[in-house]
Amino acid sequence: MLRAIYPGSFDPVTFGHLDVIRRSARLVDELIVGVLNNKAKSPLFSVEERVRMLEEVTKDMPNVKTIPFEGLLVDFARKMDAGMVIRGLRAITDFEYELQMAQTNHKMEPDVETVFLTTNLKYSYLSSTTVKEVAAFGGDISQFVPEIVADRITEKMKKRRV
């Protein structure tokens, strides 16, 4: 069985992330969306909230599981018995960083391969940071994230303004 991990913070999950998830799920038997709990950052959503949102927006994909993790990706891959990591690339700047991480991961765990998927052009500009910035100023984010995610972002932003 070919099991892969698509890791990220997903704060919040965007249509770009979902595009990579859908395409990746067609390539493997099981795709684990690994939600990184990075204690060094201050995310908009807790890791539990991000996992729940991802579960909701991927419920039509039976071979996709969403699991939170902390620490090194290679350790998580070993724990999940995954032989592949999938990373999405939007621009050349993504490639430089992702190549360095893939090479480091391969040095630490030679049995885990990294596969890069280029982002669909219609999402190549999109990032979670951009979505949060637009939402913080009351902009329409419905073209960037699923409706359920947009609703949750709007709720969070309203609470921050109060």
Foldseek 3Di string as FASTA:
>chain_A
DAEEEAEDQPLPPWVQNVVQVVVVLVVGQAYEHEHEDDPVDDGLDHSVVRLVVVCVVCVVRVRYHYDYDYDDPLVVCVVVVHQEYEYEALDVVSVVVVVVSQVVSCVVPVSHHYDYDYTDNVCSVDDSVVLLVCVLVPHDCVNIHPPVVSVVSNVSSVVVVD
